[in-house]
Amino acid sequence: MEIVYLNNKKIKIESCIVALGFFDGMHLGHMALVEKVIFEANLHKHKKALLTFEKSPKSILTTCQENYLTSLEDKAMLLEQKGIDYLFVLPFNKEIASFSPQQFIETYLKNDYMKGFVCGYDFHFGHFGAGNPTMLEAVAPTVVVDKLMLQEHRVSSSFIKQLLKDGEIKKANKFLAYAYCIQGVVIHGKHRGKSQLGFATANVDYKDYVLPKNGVYACVVEYEKQEYFAMTNIGINPTFGDIEKPSLEVHLFGFDEMIYDKIIKVSFQQRIRNEMKFSSLEHLIEQLNNDQKKCIEYFR
């Protein structure tokens, strides 16, 4: 798959059908658009493509901190697995946000290689979101995909984010159709996991990812193309009370390597318990041993 940044320069692209949207999470609803692109592209003998923004428009237009379900790298990996040929990336900014729908179309969508579009029923573009799927029809044939419902809920990134914040990891994974993942660099923490607790941990820099609810989780960790069962803690370590920002610490079973500055991917499988404050180090260690047993039982 080729990643193409749209910067108004002339680029050599083969004719393609393009799905439009931000696609945070690449959940079941998004995959319905991807499947429709694949169908339309194969039918008309075009390449398969997807256009997304480098950052969420909301993060540019508001002062709110925006957290994501997937990074751009995550999206690229999932799309490549589906056989998408092009990922068009638009570096969204306030100037682009001020474009009228027609300006946006003329600048980014009206060209000799985008032969058709696929979008969701709620796709909007241009200043104040004034553009809608009907306007795309004037440029190229457009297929509009209706909302997807699952367990009486509309499949959406905002709903999945709330499920994660509520600790509903199993339900979130059903709406995503894969285990929720956080990929990041292993950084230095308090260095007490192995020395004080007997559980060496990798502290992951989770950047702008959505963190699941504080607590302990059974996870699968991918490191250098190898998978390991693991126990993950998210929280502020209330027993010690010396951090304010939640940390993501992972204990890989049967693993004893120094992996600082390395990238690992943590896939959340099962929530084990809530975050707890313990009266002593001994009680905390006892609980960690019980947590590990529960994780191992889950993987069995």
Protein backbone atom coordinates (compact mmCIF):
# COMPACT_ATOMS: atom_id res chain seq x y z
CA MET A 1 0.00 0.00 0.00
CA GLU A 2 1.22 3.48 -0.85
CA ILE A 3 0.72 6.39 1.58
CA VAL A 4 0.21 9.67 -0.28
CA TYR A 5 0.11 13.09 1.42
CA LEU A 6 -2.19 15.45 -0.45
CA ASN A 7 -0.31 18.73 -0.73
CA ASN A 8 -1.55 20.09 -4.06
CA LYS A 9 1.48 18.83 -5.92
CA LYS A 10 1.02 16.75 -9.06
CA ILE A 11 1.22 13.11 -8.15
CA LYS A 12 1.05 9.98 -10.26
CA ILE A 13 -1.92 7.93 -9.07
CA GLU A 14 -3.87 5.23 -10.87
CA SER A 15 -7.66 5.51 -11.11
CA CYS A 16 -9.29 4.56 -7.82
CA ILE A 17 -12.46 4.46 -5.73
CA VAL A 18 -12.00 6.38 -2.46
CA ALA A 19 -13.58 6.05 0.99
CA LEU A 20 -13.76 9.38 2.81
CA GLY A 21 -13.61 10.06 6.57
CA PHE A 22 -11.40 10.28 9.66
CA PHE A 23 -11.77 6.56 10.47
CA ASP A 24 -10.66 6.65 14.12
CA GLY A 25 -10.70 3.07 15.37
CA MET A 26 -11.31 1.39 12.01
CA HIS A 27 -14.33 -0.21 13.71
CA LEU A 28 -17.10 -2.32 12.17
CA GLY A 29 -18.82 0.76 10.73
CA HIS A 30 -15.63 1.93 9.07
CA MET A 31 -14.90 -1.53 7.75
CA ALA A 32 -18.32 -1.51 6.06
CA LEU A 33 -17.06 1.46 4.02
CA VAL A 34 -13.79 -0.33 3.28
CA GLU A 35 -15.64 -3.43 2.09
CA LYS A 36 -17.83 -1.27 -0.15
CA VAL A 37 -14.74 0.39 -1.64
CA ILE A 38 -13.26 -3.03 -2.36
CA PHE A 39 -16.50 -4.14 -4.02
CA GLU A 40 -16.87 -1.00 -6.17
CA ALA A 41 -13.20 -0.93 -7.13
CA ASN A 42 -13.19 -4.56 -8.21
CA LEU A 43 -16.46 -4.06 -10.10
CA HIS A 44 -15.11 -1.11 -12.10
CA LYS A 45 -11.51 -2.37 -12.26
CA HIS A 46 -10.05 0.53 -10.26
CA LYS A 47 -7.61 0.69 -7.39
CA LYS A 48 -8.86 0.77 -3.79
CA ALA A 49 -8.19 3.89 -1.72
CA LEU A 50 -9.07 5.69 1.49
CA LEU A 51 -8.71 9.40 2.33
CA THR A 52 -8.25 10.44 5.95
CA PHE A 53 -7.02 13.39 7.96
CA GLU A 54 -3.68 13.37 9.73
CA LYS A 55 -5.40 14.75 12.85
CA SER A 56 -9.01 14.92 13.92
CA PRO A 57 -10.71 18.13 12.71
CA LYS A 58 -12.07 18.52 16.25
CA SER A 59 -8.53 18.74 17.65
CA ILE A 60 -7.77 21.63 15.28
CA LEU A 61 -11.04 23.53 15.66
CA THR A 62 -11.43 23.29 19.46
CA THR A 63 -9.20 23.56 22.51
CA CYS A 64 -10.24 20.11 23.71
CA GLN A 65 -7.60 17.41 24.04
CA GLU A 66 -8.52 14.75 21.49
CA ASN A 67 -7.58 11.16 22.22
CA TYR A 68 -7.61 8.51 19.51
CA LEU A 69 -8.42 4.83 19.16
CA THR A 70 -5.90 4.40 16.35
CA SER A 71 -2.80 6.23 15.19
CA LEU A 72 -2.16 6.87 11.52
CA GLU A 73 0.30 3.95 11.59
CA ASP A 74 -2.40 1.68 13.04
CA LYS A 75 -4.83 2.66 10.27
CA ALA A 76 -2.20 2.01 7.61
CA MET A 77 -1.48 -1.46 8.99
CA LEU A 78 -5.17 -2.44 9.12
CA LEU A 79 -5.84 -1.09 5.61
CA GLU A 80 -2.84 -2.84 4.14
CA GLN A 81 -4.14 -6.12 5.58
CA LYS A 82 -7.41 -5.48 3.71
CA GLY A 83 -5.61 -4.97 0.41
CA ILE A 84 -6.11 -1.19 0.07
CA ASP A 85 -3.80 0.29 -2.57
CA TYR A 86 -3.63 3.95 -1.53
CA LEU A 87 -3.98 5.80 1.76
CA PHE A 88 -4.43 9.50 1.05
CA VAL A 89 -3.54 11.68 4.05
CA LEU A 90 -4.66 15.27 4.36
CA PRO A 91 -2.70 17.36 6.93
CA PHE A 92 -5.79 19.14 8.30
CA ASN A 93 -5.35 22.73 9.58
CA LYS A 94 -7.40 25.87 10.20
CA GLU A 95 -6.89 27.10 6.63
CA ILE A 96 -8.37 23.90 5.20
CA ALA A 97 -11.14 24.06 7.80
CA SER A 98 -12.15 27.46 6.40
CA PHE A 99 -12.59 26.06 2.86
CA SER A 100 -16.12 26.10 1.52
CA PRO A 101 -17.38 22.68 0.42
CA GLN A 102 -16.74 23.65 -3.21
CA GLN A 103 -13.19 24.78 -2.42
CA PHE A 104 -12.51 21.50 -0.66
CA ILE A 105 -13.87 19.53 -3.62
CA GLU A 106 -11.91 21.55 -6.20
CA THR A 107 -8.67 21.31 -4.20
CA TYR A 108 -8.67 17.69 -3.08
CA LEU A 109 -11.40 15.61 -4.71
CA LYS A 110 -11.77 16.83 -8.29
CA ASN A 111 -8.95 15.24 -10.26
CA ASP A 112 -8.28 12.68 -12.95
CA TYR A 113 -7.72 9.70 -10.64
CA MET A 114 -10.58 9.72 -8.09
CA LYS A 115 -13.29 7.96 -10.09
CA GLY A 116 -15.82 7.41 -7.31
CA PHE A 117 -16.44 7.91 -3.60
CA VAL A 118 -17.76 5.92 -0.67
CA CYS A 119 -18.77 7.70 2.54
CA GLY A 120 -20.97 7.35 5.58
CA TYR A 121 -24.44 8.83 5.76
CA ASP A 122 -23.15 11.44 8.26
CA PHE A 123 -20.03 12.51 6.32
CA HIS A 124 -19.62 16.30 6.20
CA PHE A 125 -16.84 18.52 4.92
CA GLY A 126 -15.99 22.16 4.30
CA HIS A 127 -16.57 25.20 6.53
CA PHE A 128 -18.91 24.37 9.45
CA GLY A 129 -19.45 20.93 7.88
CA ALA A 130 -21.68 22.43 5.19
CA GLY A 131 -20.68 19.82 2.60
CA ASN A 132 -22.63 16.56 2.37
CA PRO A 133 -22.58 13.34 0.32
CA THR A 134 -25.03 14.77 -2.25
CA MET A 135 -22.43 17.37 -3.30
CA LEU A 136 -19.93 14.62 -4.09
CA GLU A 137 -22.23 13.26 -6.80
CA ALA A 138 -21.40 16.28 -8.97
CA VAL A 139 -17.76 15.14 -8.99
CA ALA A 140 -18.01 11.35 -9.29
CA PRO A 141 -20.46 8.50 -8.55
CA THR A 142 -20.89 8.27 -4.77
CA VAL A 143 -22.06 5.38 -2.62
CA VAL A 144 -23.46 6.33 0.79
CA VAL A 145 -23.28 3.67 3.51
CA ASP A 146 -26.01 3.74 6.17
CA LYS A 147 -25.34 3.56 9.92
CA LEU A 148 -24.44 0.19 11.39
CA MET A 149 -26.20 -1.03 14.52
CA LEU A 150 -24.89 -3.65 16.95
CA GLN A 151 -26.57 -4.70 20.20
CA GLU A 152 -29.05 -1.82 19.74
CA HIS A 153 -26.24 0.76 19.58
CA ARG A 154 -24.89 2.70 16.60
CA VAL A 155 -21.31 1.66 15.94
CA SER A 156 -19.26 4.81 16.43
CA SER A 157 -15.84 5.88 17.67
CA SER A 158 -17.36 7.99 20.46
CA PHE A 159 -19.38 5.03 21.78
CA ILE A 160 -16.33 2.74 21.72
CA LYS A 161 -14.27 5.37 23.56
CA GLN A 162 -16.90 5.49 26.29
CA LEU A 163 -16.91 1.70 26.57
CA LEU A 164 -13.15 1.75 27.10
CA LYS A 165 -13.39 4.50 29.72
CA ASP A 166 -16.03 2.39 31.49
CA GLY A 167 -13.76 -0.67 31.44
CA GLU A 168 -16.05 -2.56 29.04
CA ILE A 169 -13.14 -3.99 27.10
CA LYS A 170 -14.95 -7.10 25.81
CA LYS A 171 -17.83 -5.05 24.44
CA ALA A 172 -15.49 -2.46 22.92
CA ASN A 173 -13.60 -5.24 21.15
CA LYS A 174 -16.87 -6.53 19.64
CA PHE A 175 -17.60 -3.11 18.15
CA LEU A 176 -14.03 -2.82 16.87
CA ALA A 177 -13.96 -6.43 15.61
CA TYR A 178 -10.43 -6.74 16.98
CA ALA A 179 -8.74 -6.37 20.36
CA TYR A 180 -8.16 -2.73 21.26
CA CYS A 181 -4.45 -1.93 20.90
CA ILE A 182 -2.04 0.71 22.15
CA GLN A 183 1.33 0.89 20.43
CA GLY A 184 4.12 2.91 21.97
CA VAL A 185 7.74 3.27 23.03
CA VAL A 186 8.92 1.72 26.30
CA ILE A 187 10.06 4.53 28.59
CA HIS A 188 11.60 4.74 32.05
CA GLY A 189 9.25 4.68 35.03
CA LYS A 190 9.84 4.48 38.79
CA HIS A 191 11.99 1.33 38.45
CA ARG A 192 10.31 -0.49 41.34
CA GLY A 193 8.44 -3.27 39.48
CA LYS A 194 11.24 -5.81 39.55
CA SER A 195 13.23 -4.58 42.55
CA GLN A 196 10.34 -4.03 45.01
CA LEU A 197 7.44 -6.08 43.65
CA GLY A 198 9.10 -8.93 41.77
CA PHE A 199 7.22 -8.03 38.59
CA ALA A 200 9.38 -6.37 35.93
CA THR A 201 7.25 -3.99 33.88
CA ALA A 202 7.55 -2.10 30.62
CA ASN A 203 6.20 1.44 30.97
CA VAL A 204 4.59 2.42 27.65
CA ASP A 205 4.32 5.98 26.32
CA TYR A 206 0.69 5.93 25.15
CA LYS A 207 0.70 9.50 23.78
CA ASP A 208 -2.78 10.42 22.44
CA TYR A 209 -4.39 6.98 22.67
CA VAL A 210 -7.59 6.51 24.65
CA LEU A 211 -6.70 4.74 27.90
CA PRO A 212 -9.12 2.08 29.15
CA LYS A 213 -10.43 2.51 32.70
CA ASN A 214 -7.82 2.23 35.45
CA GLY A 215 -7.27 -1.34 36.54
CA VAL A 216 -5.58 -4.62 35.62
CA TYR A 217 -6.02 -6.34 32.25
CA ALA A 218 -4.98 -9.58 30.57
CA CYS A 219 -3.21 -8.56 27.36
CA VAL A 220 -1.23 -9.89 24.44
CA VAL A 221 1.96 -7.97 23.69
CA GLU A 222 3.70 -7.95 20.33
CA TYR A 223 7.41 -7.20 20.34
CA GLU A 224 9.63 -7.68 17.28
CA LYS A 225 7.01 -9.89 15.60
CA GLN A 226 6.74 -12.20 18.63
CA GLU A 227 3.65 -12.40 20.85
CA TYR A 228 3.68 -12.72 24.63
CA PHE A 229 0.91 -13.12 27.20
CA ALA A 230 0.98 -10.26 29.66
CA MET A 231 -0.62 -8.51 32.64
CA THR A 232 -1.17 -4.77 32.26
CA ASN A 233 -1.85 -2.14 34.92
CA ILE A 234 -3.35 1.25 34.10
CA GLY A 235 -3.51 3.85 36.84
CA ILE A 236 -1.77 6.18 39.26
CA ASN A 237 -0.33 3.55 41.63
CA PRO A 238 -2.40 4.70 44.67
CA THR A 239 -0.46 2.46 47.08
CA PHE A 240 2.62 4.61 46.45
CA GLY A 241 0.82 7.88 45.66
CA ASP A 242 3.68 9.49 43.79
CA ILE A 243 2.31 9.97 40.24
CA GLU A 244 -0.59 12.03 38.89
CA LYS A 245 -0.81 11.06 35.22
CA PRO A 246 -1.97 7.45 34.70
CA SER A 247 0.75 5.07 33.60
CA LEU A 248 0.48 1.99 31.38
CA GLU A 249 2.74 -0.75 32.78
CA VAL A 250 3.03 -4.18 31.22
CA HIS A 251 4.46 -7.36 32.75
CA LEU A 252 5.28 -9.88 30.01
CA PHE A 253 5.13 -13.50 31.14
CA GLY A 254 8.35 -15.47 30.60
CA PHE A 255 10.22 -12.41 29.33
CA ASP A 256 13.41 -10.91 30.72
CA GLU A 257 14.94 -8.41 28.31
CA MET A 258 15.78 -4.70 28.53
CA ILE A 259 13.54 -3.06 25.95
CA TYR A 260 13.75 0.66 26.74
CA ASP A 261 13.20 2.80 23.63
CA LYS A 262 11.71 -0.18 21.80
CA ILE A 263 8.17 -0.23 20.40
CA ILE A 264 5.61 -2.73 21.69
CA LYS A 265 1.94 -3.21 20.90
CA VAL A 266 -0.43 -3.99 23.79
CA SER A 267 -3.74 -5.70 22.88
CA PHE A 268 -6.37 -5.66 25.61
CA GLN A 269 -8.23 -8.95 26.02
CA GLN A 270 -9.92 -9.11 29.44
CA ARG A 271 -10.41 -6.81 32.41
CA ILE A 272 -9.26 -8.48 35.65
CA ARG A 273 -10.07 -5.93 38.37
CA ASN A 274 -10.33 -2.27 39.36
CA GLU A 275 -7.39 -0.22 40.57
CA MET A 276 -6.94 -0.62 44.33
CA LYS A 277 -4.95 0.95 47.16
CA PHE A 278 -3.21 -1.54 49.47
CA SER A 279 -2.25 -1.09 53.11
CA SER A 280 1.17 -2.68 52.63
CA LEU A 281 3.66 -3.77 50.00
CA GLU A 282 3.05 -7.39 51.01
CA HIS A 283 -0.68 -7.13 50.29
CA LEU A 284 0.04 -5.55 46.90
CA ILE A 285 2.46 -8.35 45.96
CA GLU A 286 -0.08 -10.96 47.06
CA GLN A 287 -2.72 -9.35 44.84
CA LEU A 288 -0.33 -9.14 41.87
CA ASN A 289 0.30 -12.88 42.17
CA ASN A 290 -3.47 -13.49 42.18
CA ASP A 291 -3.85 -11.19 39.14
CA GLN A 292 -1.19 -13.13 37.28
CA LYS A 293 -2.96 -16.42 38.03
CA LYS A 294 -6.25 -15.00 36.70
CA CYS A 295 -4.54 -13.80 33.53
CA ILE A 296 -2.93 -17.21 32.96
CA GLU A 297 -6.29 -18.91 33.55
CA TYR A 298 -7.89 -16.60 31.01
CA PHE A 299 -5.29 -17.43 28.35
CA ARG A 300 -5.65 -21.15 29.03
